[in-house]
Amino acid sequence: MDTNLRPAPRAFELRRQSDDLVYRFERCTGPSGHAGFKRTDGDHWIIRHELLGWIAGDWGSDEVFGRPWDLLAVQSGEVPPEGIWVSRKGPKSYVYELVYL
């Protein structure tokens, strides 16, 4: 039996580096029936876009609100990658660290 196999993570946090704000995301099924991760305090999603890989975005559009900083879409695995993520909110951008719980 392979002991390196781990179950898919059920939750993670995005920890904003500038002020230590933390957003928690949990695995959820989206409106289209696809799995994603939904923020626990609102209707904000981390989803697997078929062309862009894992992004913070909406199910019904190609608008991107955040993404991994140094990972190409073709390198996206089955779950959002741990590490540095960046986001855009209007004229501001933020740097986060994605950490599985």
Foldseek 3Di string as FASTA:
>chain_A
DDPPDDDDFFKKWWAFPPPRDIWIWGWDQDPVRDIWTATPPDGWTFDQDPQFGTFTDDPPDPDGFKAADPDGNVRHDPHHDFAWMKGDDPPDITITTIGGD
